[in-house]
Amino acid sequence: MKKFCNLVFTSVVLLILMSSCFSYKFTIGEGPQSGVIVKEKNNFWLGGLVTGKISSPEEMADGAENYEVTEVHTFVDQLIGGVTFGIYTPTTTIVQK
């Protein structure tokens, strides 16, 4: 039981420490102007080898010419990926107009 608790504790600590490691950001036009934020999930299976639903930043921006796109593995995304042992690995796309 003690071994299991140590494993769970170590896993949680690693997830917390790595929660912002996987992200990238790019700016379209002059960047966000209105401050409106739209979020969508992307679905990947088998460690990212098979794609499911993928968000479209252009559609999320809804015709805006100036916006910023951030692709990130949130803490919840990483937790889900860990619990499913990488079978399902979601990411989050954030568009700020």
Foldseek 3Di string as FASTA:
>chain_A
DVVVVVVVVVVVVVLVVCFFVDKDKDWFDPAADPFDKDKDKWKAFQQRPRGDDDDDLCVRCVPDRTKMKMKGCGSVQVVVCVVVVNGIGMIMIMIHD
